[in-house]
N, C-alpha and C. Protein backbone atom coordinates (compact mmCIF):
# COMPACT_ATOMS: atom_id res chain seq x y z
N MET A 1 0.88 -1.17 -0.02
CA MET A 1 0.20 -0.14 -0.11
C MET A 1 0.94 1.25 0.01
N TYR A 2 0.44 2.01 -0.38
CA TYR A 2 0.88 3.39 -0.72
C TYR A 2 0.19 4.82 -0.64
N VAL A 3 0.64 6.03 -0.22
CA VAL A 3 -0.20 7.26 -0.35
C VAL A 3 0.66 8.27 -1.43
N ILE A 4 0.17 8.67 -2.11
CA ILE A 4 0.86 9.97 -2.76
C ILE A 4 -0.04 11.01 -3.15
N GLU A 5 0.77 12.39 -1.99
CA GLU A 5 0.12 13.86 -1.85
C GLU A 5 -0.41 14.22 -3.57
N LEU A 6 -1.22 14.71 -3.57
CA LEU A 6 -1.46 15.42 -4.70
C LEU A 6 -1.71 16.96 -4.53
N ALA A 7 -1.40 17.61 -5.82
CA ALA A 7 -1.25 19.20 -5.72
C ALA A 7 -2.91 19.26 -5.43
N ASP A 8 -3.03 20.40 -4.72
CA ASP A 8 -4.51 20.86 -4.46
C ASP A 8 -5.33 21.16 -5.25
N GLU A 9 -4.52 21.62 -7.07
CA GLU A 9 -5.72 21.82 -8.18
C GLU A 9 -6.32 20.69 -8.09
N VAL A 10 -6.13 19.31 -7.95
CA VAL A 10 -6.59 18.10 -8.06
C VAL A 10 -8.22 18.21 -7.88
N ILE A 11 -8.60 18.88 -6.89
CA ILE A 11 -10.13 19.36 -6.22
C ILE A 11 -10.63 19.73 -6.94
N GLU A 12 -10.22 20.90 -7.86
CA GLU A 12 -10.84 21.19 -9.37
C GLU A 12 -11.79 20.44 -10.04
N ARG A 13 -11.42 19.19 -10.05
CA ARG A 13 -11.64 18.36 -11.19
C ARG A 13 -12.82 17.65 -10.63
N ASN A 14 -13.88 17.57 -11.51
CA ASN A 14 -15.10 17.23 -11.11
C ASN A 14 -15.59 16.07 -10.46
N LYS A 15 -14.88 15.07 -10.99
CA LYS A 15 -14.84 13.27 -10.93
C LYS A 15 -13.88 13.19 -9.34
N PHE A 16 -12.85 14.21 -9.14
CA PHE A 16 -12.17 14.09 -7.86
C PHE A 16 -13.46 14.63 -6.87
N LEU A 17 -14.10 15.58 -6.95
CA LEU A 17 -14.94 16.15 -6.16
C LEU A 17 -16.10 15.68 -5.71
N LYS A 18 -16.31 14.97 -6.57
CA LYS A 18 -17.48 13.69 -6.41
C LYS A 18 -17.18 12.94 -5.24
N GLU A 19 -16.51 12.51 -5.55
CA GLU A 19 -15.82 11.29 -3.94
C GLU A 19 -15.23 11.80 -3.17
N ASN A 20 -15.10 12.92 -3.26
CA ASN A 20 -15.29 13.72 -1.73
C ASN A 20 -16.22 14.85 -1.64
N PRO A 21 -17.44 14.92 -1.48
CA PRO A 21 -18.37 15.70 -1.39
C PRO A 21 -18.33 16.56 -0.24
N HIS A 22 -17.74 15.69 1.12
CA HIS A 22 -17.35 16.74 2.09
C HIS A 22 -16.18 17.30 2.50
N TYR A 23 -15.19 17.54 1.73
CA TYR A 23 -14.15 17.82 1.40
C TYR A 23 -14.56 19.56 1.49
N ASP A 24 -13.83 20.11 2.43
CA ASP A 24 -13.88 21.68 2.83
C ASP A 24 -12.77 22.88 2.34
N ASN A 25 -13.02 23.23 0.76
CA ASN A 25 -11.83 23.93 0.21
C ASN A 25 -11.62 25.03 1.20
N ALA A 26 -12.23 25.46 1.81
CA ALA A 26 -12.01 26.71 2.63
C ALA A 26 -10.59 26.54 3.69
N LYS A 27 -10.80 25.11 3.95
CA LYS A 27 -9.72 24.61 5.08
C LYS A 27 -8.19 24.17 4.71
N ARG A 28 -8.00 23.81 3.37
CA ARG A 28 -7.29 23.61 2.09
C ARG A 28 -6.44 22.28 3.02
N MET A 29 -7.41 21.38 3.04
CA MET A 29 -6.62 20.07 3.91
C MET A 29 -5.94 19.50 2.21
N ALA A 30 -4.81 18.42 2.30
CA ALA A 30 -4.07 17.99 1.40
C ALA A 30 -5.33 16.82 1.05
N CYS A 31 -4.90 16.61 -0.09
CA CYS A 31 -5.37 16.08 -1.21
C CYS A 31 -4.92 14.59 -1.48
N PHE A 32 -4.98 13.44 -1.58
CA PHE A 32 -4.01 12.06 -1.78
C PHE A 32 -4.69 11.13 -2.64
N TYR A 33 -3.59 10.26 -3.13
CA TYR A 33 -4.09 9.06 -3.77
C TYR A 33 -4.00 8.01 -2.91
N VAL A 34 -4.53 6.93 -2.70
CA VAL A 34 -4.20 5.82 -1.85
C VAL A 34 -4.18 4.77 -2.93
N GLY A 35 -3.35 3.69 -2.76
CA GLY A 35 -3.06 2.59 -4.09
C GLY A 35 -2.42 1.60 -3.24
N SER A 36 -2.37 0.36 -3.84
CA SER A 36 -1.80 -0.99 -3.52
C SER A 36 -1.03 -1.51 -4.77
N THR A 37 0.17 -2.13 -4.51
CA THR A 37 0.47 -3.11 -5.76
C THR A 37 1.57 -4.01 -5.20
N ARG A 38 1.56 -4.68 -6.41
CA ARG A 38 2.46 -5.74 -6.20
C ARG A 38 4.12 -5.36 -6.29
N HIS A 39 4.26 -4.20 -7.12
CA HIS A 39 5.68 -3.67 -7.52
C HIS A 39 6.22 -2.85 -6.04
N THR A 40 7.37 -2.24 -6.35
CA THR A 40 7.62 -1.72 -5.21
C THR A 40 7.41 0.11 -5.17
N VAL A 41 6.96 0.09 -4.34
CA VAL A 41 6.29 1.78 -4.21
C VAL A 41 7.10 2.57 -4.87
N ARG A 42 7.95 2.68 -4.90
CA ARG A 42 9.12 3.48 -5.99
C ARG A 42 8.58 3.36 -7.36
N CYS A 43 8.92 2.15 -7.64
CA CYS A 43 8.51 1.87 -8.98
C CYS A 43 6.90 2.10 -9.41
N ARG A 44 6.18 1.88 -8.79
CA ARG A 44 4.65 2.31 -8.76
C ARG A 44 4.29 4.00 -9.01
N TYR A 45 5.50 4.31 -8.28
CA TYR A 45 4.88 5.78 -8.45
C TYR A 45 5.63 6.47 -9.68
N ASN A 46 6.70 5.78 -9.77
CA ASN A 46 7.30 6.18 -11.39
C ASN A 46 6.17 5.98 -12.20
N GLN A 47 5.54 4.66 -12.12
CA GLN A 47 4.57 4.53 -13.41
C GLN A 47 3.66 5.49 -13.45
N HIS A 48 3.20 5.66 -12.28
CA HIS A 48 1.85 6.79 -12.06
C HIS A 48 2.46 8.12 -12.46
N VAL A 49 3.87 8.74 -12.24
CA VAL A 49 4.27 9.72 -12.82
C VAL A 49 4.55 9.70 -14.40
N GLN A 50 5.02 8.76 -15.00
CA GLN A 50 5.24 8.40 -16.08
C GLN A 50 3.72 8.14 -17.07
N PHE A 51 3.12 7.82 -16.54
CA PHE A 51 1.62 7.67 -17.53
C PHE A 51 1.06 9.39 -17.38
N GLY A 52 1.45 10.06 -16.61
CA GLY A 52 1.16 11.21 -16.93
C GLY A 52 1.39 12.26 -18.23
N ASP A 53 2.62 11.36 -18.78
CA ASP A 53 3.53 11.99 -19.55
C ASP A 53 2.90 11.73 -20.86
N PRO A 54 2.13 12.54 -21.68
CA PRO A 54 1.55 12.24 -22.99
C PRO A 54 3.04 11.40 -23.99
N ASP A 55 4.00 11.58 -23.88
CA ASP A 55 4.81 11.43 -24.84
C ASP A 55 5.39 9.75 -24.15
N MET A 56 5.33 9.56 -22.83
CA MET A 56 5.73 8.29 -23.05
C MET A 56 4.74 7.27 -23.08
N GLU A 57 5.37 5.58 -23.63
CA GLU A 57 4.70 5.00 -24.35
C GLU A 57 4.26 3.41 -23.23
N GLY A 58 5.47 3.63 -22.12
CA GLY A 58 5.17 3.24 -21.47
C GLY A 58 6.21 3.20 -20.21
N PHE A 59 6.84 2.34 -19.74
CA PHE A 59 8.15 2.46 -18.80
C PHE A 59 8.99 0.95 -18.46
N ASP A 60 10.42 1.21 -17.42
CA ASP A 60 10.97 -0.28 -17.43
C ASP A 60 10.99 -0.25 -16.12
N CYS A 61 10.19 -1.64 -16.04
CA CYS A 61 10.01 -1.88 -14.82
C CYS A 61 11.00 -3.01 -14.19
N ALA A 62 11.62 -2.73 -12.92
CA ALA A 62 12.72 -4.02 -12.75
C ALA A 62 12.49 -4.34 -11.21
N CYS A 63 11.33 -4.35 -11.00
CA CYS A 63 10.96 -5.53 -9.67
C CYS A 63 11.02 -6.70 -9.80
N PHE A 64 11.24 -7.26 -11.09
CA PHE A 64 11.04 -8.90 -10.74
C PHE A 64 12.60 -9.36 -11.02
N SER A 65 12.55 -10.42 -12.05
CA SER A 65 13.44 -11.07 -11.95
C SER A 65 14.39 -9.96 -13.18
N GLU A 66 13.70 -10.07 -14.24
CA GLU A 66 14.31 -9.21 -15.42
C GLU A 66 13.64 -7.92 -15.40
N PRO A 67 14.30 -6.73 -16.31
CA PRO A 67 13.73 -5.54 -16.63
C PRO A 67 13.05 -5.83 -17.54
N THR A 68 11.76 -5.15 -17.86
CA THR A 68 10.53 -5.46 -18.54
C THR A 68 9.99 -3.92 -19.09
N PHE A 69 9.84 -3.99 -20.22
CA PHE A 69 9.30 -3.05 -20.68
C PHE A 69 7.93 -3.19 -20.89
N ARG A 70 7.08 -2.32 -20.11
CA ARG A 70 5.77 -2.50 -20.15
C ARG A 70 5.00 -1.05 -20.52
N TYR A 71 3.78 -1.77 -21.72
CA TYR A 71 2.72 -0.45 -21.76
C TYR A 71 1.86 0.08 -20.91
N PHE A 72 1.39 1.72 -21.14
CA PHE A 72 0.49 1.90 -20.87
C PHE A 72 -0.74 2.03 -21.42
N ARG A 73 -1.84 1.85 -20.67
CA ARG A 73 -3.14 1.64 -21.19
C ARG A 73 -3.28 2.32 -22.43
N GLY A 74 -4.26 2.15 -23.56
CA GLY A 74 -4.17 2.99 -24.83
C GLY A 74 -3.34 2.74 -25.60
N ARG A 75 -2.04 2.40 -25.34
CA ARG A 75 -1.06 1.91 -26.16
C ARG A 75 -0.70 0.39 -26.04
N HIS A 76 -1.42 -0.28 -25.14
CA HIS A 76 -0.95 -1.46 -24.47
C HIS A 76 -2.15 -2.13 -25.67
N PRO A 77 -1.28 -3.59 -26.01
CA PRO A 77 -1.96 -4.09 -27.00
C PRO A 77 -3.39 -4.89 -26.48
N LYS A 78 -3.20 -5.19 -25.02
CA LYS A 78 -4.41 -5.82 -24.43
C LYS A 78 -5.33 -4.56 -23.53
N GLY A 79 -4.72 -3.57 -23.69
CA GLY A 79 -5.50 -2.40 -22.99
C GLY A 79 -5.62 -2.16 -21.46
N LYS A 80 -4.42 -2.81 -21.05
CA LYS A 80 -4.16 -2.64 -19.63
C LYS A 80 -3.67 -1.65 -19.24
N THR A 81 -3.96 -0.72 -17.74
CA THR A 81 -3.77 0.34 -17.45
C THR A 81 -2.38 0.20 -16.44
N ARG A 82 -1.72 1.12 -16.55
CA ARG A 82 -0.91 1.37 -15.65
C ARG A 82 -0.31 2.41 -14.88
N GLY A 83 -1.40 3.42 -14.55
CA GLY A 83 -1.39 4.49 -14.14
C GLY A 83 -2.53 5.10 -13.86
N ASN A 84 -2.16 6.27 -12.91
CA ASN A 84 -3.71 6.51 -12.53
C ASN A 84 -3.49 8.28 -13.16
N ARG A 85 -4.38 8.80 -14.05
CA ARG A 85 -4.37 9.85 -14.56
C ARG A 85 -4.35 11.02 -13.49
N PHE A 86 -4.96 11.47 -12.30
CA PHE A 86 -5.03 12.13 -11.27
C PHE A 86 -3.58 12.57 -10.85
N VAL A 87 -3.03 11.00 -10.45
CA VAL A 87 -1.17 11.17 -10.22
C VAL A 87 -0.46 11.95 -10.85
N GLY A 88 -0.83 11.24 -12.00
CA GLY A 88 0.17 11.44 -13.39
C GLY A 88 0.39 13.02 -13.33
N GLN A 89 -0.74 13.18 -13.31
CA GLN A 89 -0.82 15.03 -13.64
C GLN A 89 -0.76 15.94 -12.63
N TYR A 90 -1.06 15.33 -11.25
CA TYR A 90 -0.76 16.09 -9.69
C TYR A 90 -0.23 15.84 -8.98
N HIS A 91 0.53 14.20 -9.20
CA HIS A 91 1.53 13.98 -7.93
C HIS A 91 2.19 15.20 -7.65
N LYS A 92 2.90 15.07 -6.33
CA LYS A 92 3.53 15.82 -5.32
C LYS A 92 4.71 14.85 -5.06
N TYR A 93 4.50 13.92 -4.25
CA TYR A 93 5.28 13.17 -3.43
C TYR A 93 4.72 11.80 -2.93
N LEU A 94 5.66 11.04 -2.49
CA LEU A 94 5.00 9.53 -1.66
C LEU A 94 4.95 10.17 0.06
N ARG A 95 4.22 9.47 0.31
CA ARG A 95 3.86 10.22 2.12
C ARG A 95 4.32 8.94 2.87
N GLY A 96 5.36 8.70 3.07
CA GLY A 96 6.07 7.33 3.33
C GLY A 96 5.42 7.27 4.78
N ARG A 97 5.64 8.24 5.78
CA ARG A 97 5.51 8.04 7.21
C ARG A 97 3.67 7.47 7.43
N MET A 98 2.77 7.77 6.07
CA MET A 98 1.52 7.21 5.98
C MET A 98 1.15 5.92 6.00
N PHE A 99 2.23 4.80 5.28
CA PHE A 99 2.63 4.02 5.12
C PHE A 99 3.12 2.81 5.16
N LYS A 100 4.21 3.23 5.32
CA LYS A 100 5.54 2.56 5.31
C LYS A 100 5.31 1.37 6.63
N HIS A 101 4.74 1.47 7.78
CA HIS A 101 4.86 0.66 9.15
C HIS A 101 3.69 -0.26 8.52
N GLU A 102 2.92 -0.20 7.47
CA GLU A 102 1.88 -1.11 7.58
C GLU A 102 2.26 -2.12 6.42
N ASN A 103 3.35 -2.14 5.66
CA ASN A 103 3.74 -2.77 4.49
C ASN A 103 4.81 -3.88 4.79
N PRO A 104 4.71 -5.11 4.37
CA PRO A 104 4.04 -5.71 3.57
C PRO A 104 2.78 -6.26 3.79
N PHE A 105 1.78 -6.40 2.91
CA PHE A 105 0.56 -7.36 3.19
C PHE A 105 0.83 -9.15 2.88
N GLU A 106 -0.03 -9.49 4.11
CA GLU A 106 0.11 -11.10 3.20
C GLU A 106 -0.80 -11.46 2.01
N THR A 107 -1.50 -10.71 1.63
CA THR A 107 -2.39 -10.83 0.62
C THR A 107 -2.83 -9.67 -0.23
N LYS A 108 -2.90 -9.84 -1.51
CA LYS A 108 -3.47 -8.85 -2.31
C LYS A 108 -4.75 -8.43 -1.91
N GLU A 109 -5.50 -9.78 -1.53
CA GLU A 109 -6.70 -8.82 -0.66
C GLU A 109 -7.00 -8.06 0.62
N ALA A 110 -5.67 -8.25 1.56
CA ALA A 110 -5.29 -7.86 2.69
C ALA A 110 -4.89 -6.20 2.33
N ALA A 111 -4.05 -6.45 1.32
CA ALA A 111 -3.92 -4.70 1.09
C ALA A 111 -4.91 -3.82 0.66
N GLU A 112 -5.92 -4.90 -0.13
CA GLU A 112 -7.01 -3.80 -1.01
C GLU A 112 -7.92 -3.72 0.10
N GLN A 113 -8.14 -3.94 1.19
CA GLN A 113 -8.75 -3.65 2.22
C GLN A 113 -8.23 -2.81 3.10
N ARG A 114 -7.41 -2.63 3.54
CA ARG A 114 -6.21 -1.65 4.00
C ARG A 114 -6.49 -0.45 3.40
N GLU A 115 -6.13 -0.64 2.28
CA GLU A 115 -6.16 0.71 1.26
C GLU A 115 -7.71 1.54 0.91
N GLU A 116 -8.73 0.75 1.38
CA GLU A 116 -9.79 1.49 1.11
C GLU A 116 -10.32 1.95 2.71
N ALA A 117 -9.96 1.24 3.38
CA ALA A 117 -10.06 1.85 5.28
C ALA A 117 -9.21 3.35 5.49
N LEU A 118 -7.99 2.86 4.88
CA LEU A 118 -7.00 4.48 4.93
C LEU A 118 -7.46 5.06 4.28
N ALA A 119 -8.26 5.29 2.68
CA ALA A 119 -8.99 6.13 2.11
C ALA A 119 -10.27 6.50 2.91
N GLN A 120 -10.77 5.76 3.61
CA GLN A 120 -12.21 6.35 4.26
C GLN A 120 -11.71 7.05 5.62
N GLU A 121 -10.65 6.66 6.09
CA GLU A 121 -10.00 7.48 7.36
C GLU A 121 -9.72 9.05 7.14
N LEU A 122 -8.79 9.07 5.94
CA LEU A 122 -8.56 10.55 5.68
C LEU A 122 -9.26 11.07 5.15
N ARG A 123 -10.77 10.73 4.72
CA ARG A 123 -11.68 11.30 4.04
C ARG A 123 -12.52 11.89 5.41
N ALA A 124 -12.40 11.13 6.35
CA ALA A 124 -13.58 11.36 7.42
C ALA A 124 -12.81 12.39 8.06
N LYS A 125 -11.07 12.43 7.95
CA LYS A 125 -10.52 13.84 8.68
C LYS A 125 -10.80 14.82 8.30
N GLY A 126 -11.04 15.06 6.80
CA GLY A 126 -11.28 15.95 5.83
C GLY A 126 -10.48 16.47 4.58
N TYR A 127 -9.79 15.19 4.56
CA TYR A 127 -8.44 15.12 3.26
C TYR A 127 -9.24 14.91 1.66
N GLY A 128 -9.06 15.21 0.88
CA GLY A 128 -9.58 15.05 -0.26
C GLY A 128 -8.68 13.45 -0.29
N VAL A 129 -9.08 12.35 -1.47
CA VAL A 129 -8.74 11.21 -1.35
C VAL A 129 -9.21 10.67 -2.55
N TRP A 130 -8.64 9.89 -3.71
CA TRP A 130 -9.24 9.54 -4.63
C TRP A 130 -8.11 8.00 -4.17
N GLN A 131 -9.16 6.88 -4.51
CA GLN A 131 -8.69 5.09 -4.33
C GLN A 131 -9.76 4.87 -5.31
N ASN A 132 -9.11 3.47 -5.79
CA ASN A 132 -9.84 2.90 -7.12
C ASN A 132 -9.43 1.32 -6.87
């Protein structure tokens, strides 16, 4: 699991705002993306960032036994996604203190459950959060 802080401008996107109906723009609380991955957190962050660059067709992933070029959605023959557009466009940095103590998880399901719970906890505190 990982948390990426997003630029304040993301709250101006209707889709993001609809997911955060109780966000109080006057308080200027931070906005975050919460996700989980089988990649290293740094590799996954780089995927998101590079996905936001329209000139990039993919990225080199060295998380596993051999480095592999992986395509982004829309440019991938099987249509697989490799990044989130909000993170690609509005990323600031990883917020390690918010998640490092919880990794790794035993199963994908456990990571996804905790990802959703953390997103709900952050929203309840007034933060803007995107999680899918």
